Amino acid sequence: MTCADYCAVLFAALLLPYLYISQWTGDEAGISATIMNGNAITEVSLAHDHTLEVDGARGTSIINIEDGKIRFAASPCLGKQCIHSGWLEHAGEFAACLPNRISVAVLGDEPRFDSINF
């Protein structure tokens, strides 16, 4: 390796931590969340603690809101991926129960993602 190669590797090694900190650490707390059930969209505030029961294609999903966070607490789907996604609290975070056709997205002033594809 030449001196220029070592400089390029050193530059890349120093650039990676900066990019990680500046681009991937979105800490903006969510203000509200949207719950999508088929064509129906409901916006809920994350400021008040409560539990919602949302009817979907396969049954009723239970969604908890506590301390500015939201999560799927129970769902009739088989894989339970929506429950395993855990608490959502930052703007742009998203969880979905695809078999039950229910999704939850946290909203804020600056979302972390501009689009999500499945």
PDB file of N, CA and C in Angstrom:
ATOM      1  N   MET A   1       0.847  -1.188   0.000  1.00  0.00           N
ATOM      2  CA  MET A   1       0.000   0.000   0.000  1.00  0.00           C
ATOM      3  C   MET A   1       0.884   1.240   0.000  1.00  0.00           C
ATOM      4  N   THR A   2       0.409   2.233  -0.703  1.00  0.00           N
ATOM      5  CA  THR A   2       1.166   3.482  -0.776  1.00  0.00           C
ATOM      6  C   THR A   2       0.702   4.433   0.322  1.00  0.00           C
ATOM      7  N   CYS A   3       1.374   5.534   0.418  1.00  0.00           N
ATOM      8  CA  CYS A   3       1.017   6.551   1.413  1.00  0.00           C
ATOM      9  C   CYS A   3      -0.392   7.103   1.154  1.00  0.00           C
ATOM     10  N   ALA A   4      -0.761   7.235  -0.101  1.00  0.00           N
ATOM     11  CA  ALA A   4      -2.101   7.735  -0.444  1.00  0.00           C
ATOM     12  C   ALA A   4      -3.174   6.736  -0.014  1.00  0.00           C
ATOM     13  N   ASP A   5      -2.895   5.440  -0.115  1.00  0.00           N
ATOM     14  CA  ASP A   5      -3.847   4.421   0.334  1.00  0.00           C
ATOM     15  C   ASP A   5      -4.069   4.503   1.842  1.00  0.00           C
ATOM     16  N   TYR A   6      -2.978   4.670   2.594  1.00  0.00           N
ATOM     17  CA  TYR A   6      -3.102   4.807   4.044  1.00  0.00           C
ATOM     18  C   TYR A   6      -3.905   6.057   4.419  1.00  0.00           C
ATOM     19  N   CYS A   7      -3.681   7.142   3.705  1.00  0.00           N
ATOM     20  CA  CYS A   7      -4.440   8.379   3.956  1.00  0.00           C
ATOM     21  C   CYS A   7      -5.927   8.185   3.657  1.00  0.00           C
ATOM     22  N   ALA A   8      -6.244   7.473   2.587  1.00  0.00           N
ATOM     23  CA  ALA A   8      -7.642   7.239   2.235  1.00  0.00           C
ATOM     24  C   ALA A   8      -8.325   6.367   3.289  1.00  0.00           C
ATOM     25  N   VAL A   9      -7.639   5.328   3.769  1.00  0.00           N
ATOM     26  CA  VAL A   9      -8.206   4.456   4.799  1.00  0.00           C
ATOM     27  C   VAL A   9      -8.385   5.229   6.100  1.00  0.00           C
ATOM     28  N   LEU A  10      -7.415   6.040   6.488  1.00  0.00           N
ATOM     29  CA  LEU A  10      -7.513   6.851   7.700  1.00  0.00           C
ATOM     30  C   LEU A  10      -8.661   7.857   7.591  1.00  0.00           C
ATOM     31  N   PHE A  11      -8.817   8.486   6.431  1.00  0.00           N
ATOM     32  CA  PHE A  11      -9.904   9.440   6.225  1.00  0.00           C
ATOM     33  C   PHE A  11     -11.266   8.748   6.355  1.00  0.00           C
ATOM     34  N   ALA A  12     -11.408   7.568   5.753  1.00  0.00           N
ATOM     35  CA  ALA A  12     -12.671   6.828   5.839  1.00  0.00           C
ATOM     36  C   ALA A  12     -12.954   6.400   7.280  1.00  0.00           C
ATOM     37  N   ALA A  13     -11.926   5.971   8.006  1.00  0.00           N
ATOM     38  CA  ALA A  13     -12.106   5.542   9.396  1.00  0.00           C
ATOM     39  C   ALA A  13     -12.528   6.715  10.286  1.00  0.00           C
ATOM     40  N   LEU A  14     -12.042   7.906  10.009  1.00  0.00           N
ATOM     41  CA  LEU A  14     -12.438   9.079  10.787  1.00  0.00           C
ATOM     42  C   LEU A  14     -13.798   9.612  10.373  1.00  0.00           C
ATOM     43  N   LEU A  15     -14.189   9.385   9.127  1.00  0.00           N
ATOM     44  CA  LEU A  15     -15.457   9.883   8.619  1.00  0.00           C
ATOM     45  C   LEU A  15     -16.647   9.050   9.105  1.00  0.00           C
ATOM     46  N   LEU A  16     -16.477   7.762   9.299  1.00  0.00           N
ATOM     47  CA  LEU A  16     -17.582   6.887   9.693  1.00  0.00           C
ATOM     48  C   LEU A  16     -18.229   7.269  11.028  1.00  0.00           C
ATOM     49  N   PRO A  17     -17.480   7.526  12.102  1.00  0.00           N
ATOM     50  CA  PRO A  17     -18.151   7.932  13.349  1.00  0.00           C
ATOM     51  C   PRO A  17     -18.926   9.240  13.200  1.00  0.00           C
ATOM     52  N   TYR A  18     -18.378  10.182  12.443  1.00  0.00           N
ATOM     53  CA  TYR A  18     -19.088  11.446  12.219  1.00  0.00           C
ATOM     54  C   TYR A  18     -20.408  11.201  11.495  1.00  0.00           C
ATOM     55  N   LEU A  19     -20.404  10.385  10.451  1.00  0.00           N
ATOM     56  CA  LEU A  19     -21.625  10.105   9.710  1.00  0.00           C
ATOM     57  C   LEU A  19     -22.645   9.376  10.579  1.00  0.00           C
ATOM     58  N   TYR A  20     -22.201   8.447  11.409  1.00  0.00           N
ATOM     59  CA  TYR A  20     -23.110   7.733  12.295  1.00  0.00           C
ATOM     60  C   TYR A  20     -23.795   8.691  13.254  1.00  0.00           C
ATOM     61  N   ILE A  21     -23.034   9.552  13.874  1.00  0.00           N
ATOM     62  CA  ILE A  21     -23.602  10.493  14.849  1.00  0.00           C
ATOM     63  C   ILE A  21     -24.527  11.504  14.184  1.00  0.00           C
ATOM     64  N   SER A  22     -24.134  12.024  13.052  1.00  0.00           N
ATOM     65  CA  SER A  22     -24.921  13.090  12.429  1.00  0.00           C
ATOM     66  C   SER A  22     -26.149  12.584  11.671  1.00  0.00           C
ATOM     67  N   GLN A  23     -26.117  11.357  11.163  1.00  0.00           N
ATOM     68  CA  GLN A  23     -27.205  10.892  10.312  1.00  0.00           C
ATOM     69  C   GLN A  23     -28.127   9.867  10.952  1.00  0.00           C
ATOM     70  N   TRP A  24     -27.659   9.057  11.888  1.00  0.00           N
ATOM     71  CA  TRP A  24     -28.440   7.929  12.366  1.00  0.00           C
ATOM     72  C   TRP A  24     -28.886   8.041  13.809  1.00  0.00           C
ATOM     73  N   THR A  25     -28.655   9.123  14.453  1.00  0.00           N
ATOM     74  CA  THR A  25     -29.057   9.240  15.852  1.00  0.00           C
ATOM     75  C   THR A  25     -30.158  10.274  15.991  1.00  0.00           C
ATOM     76  N   GLY A  26     -31.307  10.029  15.370  1.00  0.00           N
ATOM     77  CA  GLY A  26     -32.450  10.916  15.497  1.00  0.00           C
ATOM     78  C   GLY A  26     -33.118  10.712  16.844  1.00  0.00           C
ATOM     79  N   ASP A  27     -33.032  11.698  17.701  1.00  0.00           N
ATOM     80  CA  ASP A  27     -33.567  11.558  19.051  1.00  0.00           C
ATOM     81  C   ASP A  27     -34.816  12.392  19.275  1.00  0.00           C
ATOM     82  N   GLU A  28     -35.450  12.838  18.212  1.00  0.00           N
ATOM     83  CA  GLU A  28     -36.640  13.655  18.390  1.00  0.00           C
ATOM     84  C   GLU A  28     -37.789  12.801  18.899  1.00  0.00           C
ATOM     85  N   ALA A  29     -38.327  13.200  20.011  1.00  0.00           N
ATOM     86  CA  ALA A  29     -39.448  12.461  20.595  1.00  0.00           C
ATOM     87  C   ALA A  29     -40.700  12.669  19.755  1.00  0.00           C
ATOM     88  N   GLY A  30     -41.523  11.635  19.699  1.00  0.00           N
ATOM     89  CA  GLY A  30     -42.768  11.725  18.957  1.00  0.00           C
ATOM     90  C   GLY A  30     -43.799  12.560  19.694  1.00  0.00           C
ATOM     91  N   ILE A  31     -44.631  13.260  18.937  1.00  0.00           N
ATOM     92  CA  ILE A  31     -45.678  14.104  19.504  1.00  0.00           C
ATOM     93  C   ILE A  31     -47.011  13.365  19.482  1.00  0.00           C
ATOM     94  N   SER A  32     -47.267  12.701  18.374  1.00  0.00           N
ATOM     95  CA  SER A  32     -48.516  11.961  18.207  1.00  0.00           C
ATOM     96  C   SER A  32     -48.236  10.727  17.357  1.00  0.00           C
ATOM     97  N   ALA A  33     -49.258   9.929  17.154  1.00  0.00           N
ATOM     98  CA  ALA A  33     -49.109   8.730  16.332  1.00  0.00           C
ATOM     99  C   ALA A  33     -50.362   8.551  15.491  1.00  0.00           C
ATOM    100  N   THR A  34     -50.181   7.942  14.334  1.00  0.00           N
ATOM    101  CA  THR A  34     -51.325   7.586  13.513  1.00  0.00           C
ATOM    102  C   THR A  34     -51.500   6.076  13.562  1.00  0.00           C
ATOM    103  N   ILE A  35     -52.745   5.663  13.724  1.00  0.00           N
ATOM    104  CA  ILE A  35     -53.087   4.253  13.698  1.00  0.00           C
ATOM    105  C   ILE A  35     -53.923   4.031  12.448  1.00  0.00           C
ATOM    106  N   MET A  36     -53.403   3.217  11.532  1.00  0.00           N
ATOM    107  CA  MET A  36     -54.081   2.964  10.275  1.00  0.00           C
ATOM    108  C   MET A  36     -54.705   1.572  10.321  1.00  0.00           C
ATOM    109  N   ASN A  37     -55.988   1.535  10.064  1.00  0.00           N
ATOM    110  CA  ASN A  37     -56.743   0.289  10.065  1.00  0.00           C
ATOM    111  C   ASN A  37     -57.489   0.219   8.743  1.00  0.00           C
ATOM    112  N   GLY A  38     -56.891  -0.443   7.776  1.00  0.00           N
ATOM    113  CA  GLY A  38     -57.482  -0.453   6.439  1.00  0.00           C
ATOM    114  C   GLY A  38     -57.444   0.945   5.861  1.00  0.00           C
ATOM    115  N   ASN A  39     -58.604   1.525   5.584  1.00  0.00           N
ATOM    116  CA  ASN A  39     -58.682   2.885   5.056  1.00  0.00           C
ATOM    117  C   ASN A  39     -58.882   3.924   6.146  1.00  0.00           C
ATOM    118  N   ALA A  40     -59.174   3.495   7.359  1.00  0.00           N
ATOM    119  CA  ALA A  40     -59.413   4.426   8.459  1.00  0.00           C
ATOM    120  C   ALA A  40     -58.087   4.829   9.110  1.00  0.00           C
ATOM    121  N   ILE A  41     -57.897   6.130   9.297  1.00  0.00           N
ATOM    122  CA  ILE A  41     -56.695   6.662   9.931  1.00  0.00           C
ATOM    123  C   ILE A  41     -57.113   7.454  11.156  1.00  0.00           C
ATOM    124  N   THR A  42     -56.524   7.096  12.305  1.00  0.00           N
ATOM    125  CA  THR A  42     -56.825   7.772  13.560  1.00  0.00           C
ATOM    126  C   THR A  42     -55.535   8.350  14.109  1.00  0.00           C
ATOM    127  N   GLU A  43     -55.550   9.621  14.465  1.00  0.00           N
ATOM    128  CA  GLU A  43     -54.378  10.245  15.080  1.00  0.00           C
ATOM    129  C   GLU A  43     -54.617  10.359  16.574  1.00  0.00           C
ATOM    130  N   VAL A  44     -53.643   9.885  17.364  1.00  0.00           N
ATOM    131  CA  VAL A  44     -53.749   9.911  18.817  1.00  0.00           C
ATOM    132  C   VAL A  44     -52.548  10.656  19.395  1.00  0.00           C
ATOM    133  N   SER A  45     -52.767  11.315  20.522  1.00  0.00           N
ATOM    134  CA  SER A  45     -51.705  12.011  21.213  1.00  0.00           C
ATOM    135  C   SER A  45     -50.922  11.033  22.075  1.00  0.00           C
ATOM    136  N   LEU A  46     -49.615  11.252  22.173  1.00  0.00           N
ATOM    137  CA  LEU A  46     -48.787  10.414  23.032  1.00  0.00           C
ATOM    138  C   LEU A  46     -48.627  11.024  24.420  1.00  0.00           C
ATOM    139  N   ALA A  47     -49.311  12.128  24.681  1.00  0.00           N
ATOM    140  CA  ALA A  47     -49.172  12.812  25.960  1.00  0.00           C
ATOM    141  C   ALA A  47     -49.963  12.149  27.076  1.00  0.00           C
ATOM    142  N   HIS A  48     -51.019  11.429  26.741  1.00  0.00           N
ATOM    143  CA  HIS A  48     -51.884  10.828  27.760  1.00  0.00           C
ATOM    144  C   HIS A  48     -51.774   9.309  27.708  1.00  0.00           C
ATOM    145  N   ASP A  49     -51.656   8.687  28.865  1.00  0.00           N
ATOM    146  CA  ASP A  49     -51.575   7.225  28.940  1.00  0.00           C
ATOM    147  C   ASP A  49     -52.961   6.618  28.783  1.00  0.00           C
ATOM    148  N   HIS A  50     -53.089   5.692  27.849  1.00  0.00           N
ATOM    149  CA  HIS A  50     -54.338   4.965  27.690  1.00  0.00           C
ATOM    150  C   HIS A  50     -54.127   3.731  26.811  1.00  0.00           C
ATOM    151  N   THR A  51     -55.146   2.911  26.726  1.00  0.00           N
ATOM    152  CA  THR A  51     -55.113   1.682  25.940  1.00  0.00           C
ATOM    153  C   THR A  51     -56.226   1.737  24.902  1.00  0.00           C
ATOM    154  N   LEU A  52     -55.888   1.327  23.683  1.00  0.00           N
ATOM    155  CA  LEU A  52     -56.851   1.324  22.581  1.00  0.00           C
ATOM    156  C   LEU A  52     -57.074  -0.096  22.103  1.00  0.00           C
ATOM    157  N   GLU A  53     -58.290  -0.403  21.737  1.00  0.00           N
ATOM    158  CA  GLU A  53     -58.619  -1.667  21.088  1.00  0.00           C
ATOM    159  C   GLU A  53     -59.013  -1.341  19.654  1.00  0.00           C
ATOM    160  N   VAL A  54     -58.260  -1.888  18.700  1.00  0.00           N
ATOM    161  CA  VAL A  54     -58.474  -1.594  17.286  1.00  0.00           C
ATOM    162  C   VAL A  54     -58.870  -2.889  16.591  1.00  0.00           C
ATOM    163  N   ASP A  55     -60.029  -2.872  15.953  1.00  0.00           N
ATOM    164  CA  ASP A  55     -60.510  -4.051  15.230  1.00  0.00           C
ATOM    165  C   ASP A  55     -59.870  -4.102  13.852  1.00  0.00           C
ATOM    166  N   GLY A  56     -59.321  -5.274  13.514  1.00  0.00           N
ATOM    167  CA  GLY A  56     -58.685  -5.475  12.223  1.00  0.00           C
ATOM    168  C   GLY A  56     -59.306  -6.620  11.470  1.00  0.00           C
ATOM    169  N   ALA A  57     -58.632  -7.076  10.442  1.00  0.00           N
ATOM    170  CA  ALA A  57     -59.144  -8.139   9.582  1.00  0.00           C
ATOM    171  C   ALA A  57     -59.201  -9.490  10.293  1.00  0.00           C
ATOM    172  N   ARG A  58     -58.296  -9.737  11.241  1.00  0.00           N
ATOM    173  CA  ARG A  58     -58.254 -11.028  11.944  1.00  0.00           C
ATOM    174  C   ARG A  58     -58.766 -10.968  13.369  1.00  0.00           C
ATOM    175  N   GLY A  59     -59.048  -9.775  13.864  1.00  0.00           N
ATOM    176  CA  GLY A  59     -59.514  -9.651  15.238  1.00  0.00           C
ATOM    177  C   GLY A  59     -59.117  -8.312  15.832  1.00  0.00           C
ATOM    178  N   THR A  60     -59.041  -8.270  17.142  1.00  0.00           N
ATOM    179  CA  THR A  60     -58.773  -7.019  17.846  1.00  0.00           C
ATOM    180  C   THR A  60     -57.318  -6.957  18.301  1.00  0.00           C
ATOM    181  N   SER A  61     -56.648  -5.858  17.971  1.00  0.00           N
ATOM    182  CA  SER A  61     -55.302  -5.584  18.460  1.00  0.00           C
ATOM    183  C   SER A  61     -55.404  -4.584  19.596  1.00  0.00           C
ATOM    184  N   ILE A  62     -54.574  -4.773  20.611  1.00  0.00           N
ATOM    185  CA  ILE A  62     -54.551  -3.857  21.745  1.00  0.00           C
ATOM    186  C   ILE A  62     -53.272  -3.028  21.651  1.00  0.00           C
ATOM    187  N   ILE A  63     -53.429  -1.709  21.712  1.00  0.00           N
ATOM    188  CA  ILE A  63     -52.312  -0.781  21.586  1.00  0.00           C
ATOM    189  C   ILE A  63     -52.223   0.033  22.864  1.00  0.00           C
ATOM    190  N   ASN A  64     -51.035   0.051  23.483  1.00  0.00           N
ATOM    191  CA  ASN A  64     -50.804   0.814  24.720  1.00  0.00           C
ATOM    192  C   ASN A  64     -50.054   2.098  24.413  1.00  0.00           C
ATOM    193  N   ILE A  65     -50.422   3.156  25.126  1.00  0.00           N
ATOM    194  CA  ILE A  65     -49.704   4.422  25.076  1.00  0.00           C
ATOM    195  C   ILE A  65     -49.333   4.769  26.511  1.00  0.00           C
ATOM    196  N   GLU A  66     -48.020   4.877  26.774  1.00  0.00           N
ATOM    197  CA  GLU A  66     -47.522   5.208  28.109  1.00  0.00           C
ATOM    198  C   GLU A  66     -46.272   6.049  27.997  1.00  0.00           C
ATOM    199  N   ASP A  67     -46.181   7.098  28.800  1.00  0.00           N
ATOM    200  CA  ASP A  67     -44.979   7.932  28.916  1.00  0.00           C
ATOM    201  C   ASP A  67     -44.452   8.423  27.569  1.00  0.00           C
ATOM    202  N   GLY A  68     -45.341   8.792  26.667  1.00  0.00           N
ATOM    203  CA  GLY A  68     -44.923   9.305  25.364  1.00  0.00           C
ATOM    204  C   GLY A  68     -44.477   8.227  24.393  1.00  0.00           C
ATOM    205  N   LYS A  69     -44.793   6.962  24.677  1.00  0.00           N
ATOM    206  CA  LYS A  69     -44.417   5.848  23.810  1.00  0.00           C
ATOM    207  C   LYS A  69     -45.672   5.053  23.463  1.00  0.00           C
ATOM    208  N   ILE A  70     -45.607   4.310  22.359  1.00  0.00           N
ATOM    209  CA  ILE A  70     -46.743   3.516  21.903  1.00  0.00           C
ATOM    210  C   ILE A  70     -46.237   2.144  21.470  1.00  0.00           C
ATOM    211  N   ARG A  71     -47.072   1.103  21.659  1.00  0.00           N
ATOM    212  CA  ARG A  71     -46.688  -0.242  21.246  1.00  0.00           C
ATOM    213  C   ARG A  71     -47.916  -1.115  21.039  1.00  0.00           C
ATOM    214  N   PHE A  72     -47.740  -2.196  20.293  1.00  0.00           N
ATOM    215  CA  PHE A  72     -48.740  -3.251  20.200  1.00  0.00           C
ATOM    216  C   PHE A  72     -48.585  -4.111  21.449  1.00  0.00           C
ATOM    217  N   ALA A  73     -49.627  -4.240  22.247  1.00  0.00           N
ATOM    218  CA  ALA A  73     -49.577  -5.080  23.445  1.00  0.00           C
ATOM    219  C   ALA A  73     -50.074  -6.485  23.147  1.00  0.00           C
ATOM    220  N   ALA A  74     -51.051  -6.613  22.280  1.00  0.00           N
ATOM    221  CA  ALA A  74     -51.595  -7.919  21.905  1.00  0.00           C
ATOM    222  C   ALA A  74     -52.161  -7.830  20.496  1.00  0.00           C
ATOM    223  N   SER A  75     -52.081  -8.948  19.788  1.00  0.00           N
ATOM    224  CA  SER A  75     -52.603  -8.989  18.432  1.00  0.00           C
ATOM    225  C   SER A  75     -52.900 -10.433  18.055  1.00  0.00           C
ATOM    226  N   PRO A  76     -53.914 -10.670  17.214  1.00  0.00           N
ATOM    227  CA  PRO A  76     -54.294 -12.041  16.867  1.00  0.00           C
ATOM    228  C   PRO A  76     -53.437 -12.682  15.773  1.00  0.00           C
ATOM    229  N   CYS A  77     -52.403 -12.011  15.304  1.00  0.00           N
ATOM    230  CA  CYS A  77     -51.589 -12.575  14.232  1.00  0.00           C
ATOM    231  C   CYS A  77     -50.704 -13.712  14.753  1.00  0.00           C
ATOM    232  N   LEU A  78     -50.132 -14.489  13.843  1.00  0.00           N
ATOM    233  CA  LEU A  78     -49.350 -15.655  14.237  1.00  0.00           C
ATOM    234  C   LEU A  78     -47.919 -15.316  14.637  1.00  0.00           C
ATOM    235  N   GLY A  79     -47.219 -14.523  13.861  1.00  0.00           N
ATOM    236  CA  GLY A  79     -45.806 -14.257  14.119  1.00  0.00           C
ATOM    237  C   GLY A  79     -45.523 -13.271  15.229  1.00  0.00           C
ATOM    238  N   LYS A  80     -46.487 -12.430  15.557  1.00  0.00           N
ATOM    239  CA  LYS A  80     -46.366 -11.414  16.614  1.00  0.00           C
ATOM    240  C   LYS A  80     -45.194 -10.448  16.380  1.00  0.00           C
ATOM    241  N   GLN A  81     -44.853 -10.190  15.104  1.00  0.00           N
ATOM    242  CA  GLN A  81     -43.780  -9.247  14.810  1.00  0.00           C
ATOM    243  C   GLN A  81     -44.126  -7.834  15.273  1.00  0.00           C
ATOM    244  N   CYS A  82     -45.406  -7.505  15.234  1.00  0.00           N
ATOM    245  CA  CYS A  82     -45.831  -6.183  15.685  1.00  0.00           C
ATOM    246  C   CYS A  82     -45.560  -6.015  17.175  1.00  0.00           C
ATOM    247  N   ILE A  83     -45.764  -7.044  17.960  1.00  0.00           N
ATOM    248  CA  ILE A  83     -45.512  -6.974  19.400  1.00  0.00           C
ATOM    249  C   ILE A  83     -44.014  -6.950  19.675  1.00  0.00           C
ATOM    250  N   HIS A  84     -43.246  -7.724  18.914  1.00  0.00           N
ATOM    251  CA  HIS A  84     -41.794  -7.784  19.103  1.00  0.00           C
ATOM    252  C   HIS A  84     -41.094  -6.496  18.691  1.00  0.00           C
ATOM    253  N   SER A  85     -41.771  -5.615  17.961  1.00  0.00           N
ATOM    254  CA  SER A  85     -41.143  -4.346  17.594  1.00  0.00           C
ATOM    255  C   SER A  85     -40.964  -3.440  18.805  1.00  0.00           C
ATOM    256  N   GLY A  86     -41.708  -3.705  19.871  1.00  0.00           N
ATOM    257  CA  GLY A  86     -41.505  -2.995  21.134  1.00  0.00           C
ATOM    258  C   GLY A  86     -42.088  -1.590  21.140  1.00  0.00           C
ATOM    259  N   TRP A  87     -41.561  -0.785  22.059  1.00  0.00           N
ATOM    260  CA  TRP A  87     -42.040   0.586  22.229  1.00  0.00           C
ATOM    261  C   TRP A  87     -41.521   1.475  21.111  1.00  0.00           C
ATOM    262  N   LEU A  88     -42.383   2.308  20.583  1.00  0.00           N
ATOM    263  CA  LEU A  88     -42.028   3.294  19.565  1.00  0.00           C
ATOM    264  C   LEU A  88     -42.123   4.669  20.216  1.00  0.00           C
ATOM    265  N   GLU A  89     -41.070   5.452  20.136  1.00  0.00           N
ATOM    266  CA  GLU A  89     -41.098   6.759  20.788  1.00  0.00           C
ATOM    267  C   GLU A  89     -40.495   7.888  19.968  1.00  0.00           C
ATOM    268  N   HIS A  90     -39.714   7.573  18.938  1.00  0.00           N
ATOM    269  CA  HIS A  90     -39.066   8.602  18.136  1.00  0.00           C
ATOM    270  C   HIS A  90     -39.851   8.844  16.846  1.00  0.00           C
ATOM    271  N   ALA A  91     -39.841  10.078  16.392  1.00  0.00           N
ATOM    272  CA  ALA A  91     -40.545  10.439  15.161  1.00  0.00           C
ATOM    273  C   ALA A  91     -40.022   9.612  14.003  1.00  0.00           C
ATOM    274  N   GLY A  92     -40.943   9.018  13.250  1.00  0.00           N
ATOM    275  CA  GLY A  92     -40.585   8.211  12.097  1.00  0.00           C
ATOM    276  C   GLY A  92     -40.591   6.724  12.355  1.00  0.00           C
ATOM    277  N   GLU A  93     -40.686   6.296  13.605  1.00  0.00           N
ATOM    278  CA  GLU A  93     -40.724   4.865  13.884  1.00  0.00           C
ATOM    279  C   GLU A  93     -42.081   4.296  13.491  1.00  0.00           C
ATOM    280  N   PHE A  94     -42.080   3.023  13.124  1.00  0.00           N
ATOM    281  CA  PHE A  94     -43.252   2.414  12.508  1.00  0.00           C
ATOM    282  C   PHE A  94     -43.332   0.947  12.898  1.00  0.00           C
ATOM    283  N   ALA A  95     -44.536   0.468  13.172  1.00  0.00           N
ATOM    284  CA  ALA A  95     -44.784  -0.959  13.414  1.00  0.00           C
ATOM    285  C   ALA A  95     -46.086  -1.329  12.725  1.00  0.00           C
ATOM    286  N   ALA A  96     -46.146  -2.556  12.232  1.00  0.00           N
ATOM    287  CA  ALA A  96     -47.343  -2.981  11.512  1.00  0.00           C
ATOM    288  C   ALA A  96     -47.670  -4.425  11.823  1.00  0.00           C
ATOM    289  N   CYS A  97     -48.946  -4.708  11.914  1.00  0.00           N
ATOM    290  CA  CYS A  97     -49.463  -6.072  11.985  1.00  0.00           C
ATOM    291  C   CYS A  97     -50.105  -6.319  10.617  1.00  0.00           C
ATOM    292  N   LEU A  98     -49.325  -6.842   9.704  1.00  0.00           N
ATOM    293  CA  LEU A  98     -49.796  -6.990   8.331  1.00  0.00           C
ATOM    294  C   LEU A  98     -50.968  -7.958   8.196  1.00  0.00           C
ATOM    295  N   PRO A  99     -50.984  -9.120   8.897  1.00  0.00           N
ATOM    296  CA  PRO A  99     -52.155  -9.995   8.756  1.00  0.00           C
ATOM    297  C   PRO A  99     -53.448  -9.339   9.248  1.00  0.00           C
ATOM    298  N   ASN A 100     -53.333  -8.497  10.265  1.00  0.00           N
ATOM    299  CA  ASN A 100     -54.510  -7.837  10.821  1.00  0.00           C
ATOM    300  C   ASN A 100     -54.782  -6.487  10.150  1.00  0.00           C
ATOM    301  N   ARG A 101     -53.885  -6.054   9.277  1.00  0.00           N
ATOM    302  CA  ARG A 101     -54.007  -4.801   8.522  1.00  0.00           C
ATOM    303  C   ARG A 101     -54.100  -3.568   9.412  1.00  0.00           C
ATOM    304  N   ILE A 102     -53.241  -3.529  10.438  1.00  0.00           N
ATOM    305  CA  ILE A 102     -53.172  -2.381  11.344  1.00  0.00           C
ATOM    306  C   ILE A 102     -51.718  -1.935  11.415  1.00  0.00           C
ATOM    307  N   SER A 103     -51.483  -0.622  11.341  1.00  0.00           N
ATOM    308  CA  SER A 103     -50.131  -0.105  11.472  1.00  0.00           C
ATOM    309  C   SER A 103     -50.135   1.131  12.371  1.00  0.00           C
ATOM    310  N   VAL A 104     -48.982   1.370  12.980  1.00  0.00           N
ATOM    311  CA  VAL A 104     -48.796   2.500  13.888  1.00  0.00           C
ATOM    312  C   VAL A 104     -47.550   3.243  13.445  1.00  0.00           C
ATOM    313  N   ALA A 105     -47.648   4.563  13.289  1.00  0.00           N
ATOM    314  CA  ALA A 105     -46.509   5.399  12.917  1.00  0.00           C
ATOM    315  C   ALA A 105     -46.433   6.578  13.881  1.00  0.00           C
ATOM    316  N   VAL A 106     -45.245   6.832  14.404  1.00  0.00           N
ATOM    317  CA  VAL A 106     -45.034   7.950  15.320  1.00  0.00           C
ATOM    318  C   VAL A 106     -44.714   9.188  14.495  1.00  0.00           C
ATOM    319  N   LEU A 107     -45.388  10.284  14.824  1.00  0.00           N
ATOM    320  CA  LEU A 107     -45.212  11.539  14.092  1.00  0.00           C
ATOM    321  C   LEU A 107     -44.462  12.551  14.936  1.00  0.00           C
ATOM    322  N   GLY A 108     -43.726  13.422  14.264  1.00  0.00           N
ATOM    323  CA  GLY A 108     -43.016  14.508  14.916  1.00  0.00           C
ATOM    324  C   GLY A 108     -42.700  15.576  13.895  1.00  0.00           C
ATOM    325  N   ASP A 109     -41.905  16.553  14.293  1.00  0.00           N
ATOM    326  CA  ASP A 109     -41.554  17.631  13.370  1.00  0.00           C
ATOM    327  C   ASP A 109     -40.597  17.160  12.276  1.00  0.00           C
ATOM    328  N   GLU A 110     -39.630  16.306  12.638  1.00  0.00           N
ATOM    329  CA  GLU A 110     -38.652  15.818  11.670  1.00  0.00           C
ATOM    330  C   GLU A 110     -38.578  14.297  11.729  1.00  0.00           C
ATOM    331  N   PRO A 111     -39.245  13.585  10.826  1.00  0.00           N
ATOM    332  CA  PRO A 111     -39.188  12.126  10.850  1.00  0.00           C
ATOM    333  C   PRO A 111     -37.804  11.611  10.454  1.00  0.00           C
ATOM    334  N   ARG A 112     -37.468  10.422  10.926  1.00  0.00           N
ATOM    335  CA  ARG A 112     -36.171   9.829  10.623  1.00  0.00           C
ATOM    336  C   ARG A 112     -36.119   9.274   9.210  1.00  0.00           C
ATOM    337  N   PHE A 113     -37.265   8.885   8.640  1.00  0.00           N
ATOM    338  CA  PHE A 113     -37.310   8.297   7.321  1.00  0.00           C
ATOM    339  C   PHE A 113     -38.308   9.070   6.466  1.00  0.00           C
ATOM    340  N   ASP A 114     -38.033   9.180   5.171  1.00  0.00           N
ATOM    341  CA  ASP A 114     -38.998   9.852   4.300  1.00  0.00           C
ATOM    342  C   ASP A 114     -39.981   8.867   3.685  1.00  0.00           C
ATOM    343  N   SER A 115     -39.626   7.575   3.629  1.00  0.00           N
ATOM    344  CA  SER A 115     -40.559   6.562   3.145  1.00  0.00           C
ATOM    345  C   SER A 115     -40.099   5.198   3.638  1.00  0.00           C
ATOM    346  N   ILE A 116     -41.070   4.283   3.721  1.00  0.00           N
ATOM    347  CA  ILE A 116     -40.803   2.914   4.134  1.00  0.00           C
ATOM    348  C   ILE A 116     -41.484   2.004   3.124  1.00  0.00           C
ATOM    349  N   ASN A 117     -40.767   1.029   2.597  1.00  0.00           N
ATOM    350  CA  ASN A 117     -41.305   0.098   1.618  1.00  0.00           C
ATOM    351  C   ASN A 117     -41.295  -1.308   2.169  1.00  0.00           C
ATOM    352  N   PHE A 118     -42.306  -2.088   1.806  1.00  0.00           N
ATOM    353  CA  PHE A 118     -42.374  -3.490   2.201  1.00  0.00           C
ATOM    354  C   PHE A 118     -42.236  -4.350   0.987  1.00  0.00           C
TER     355      PHE A 118
END
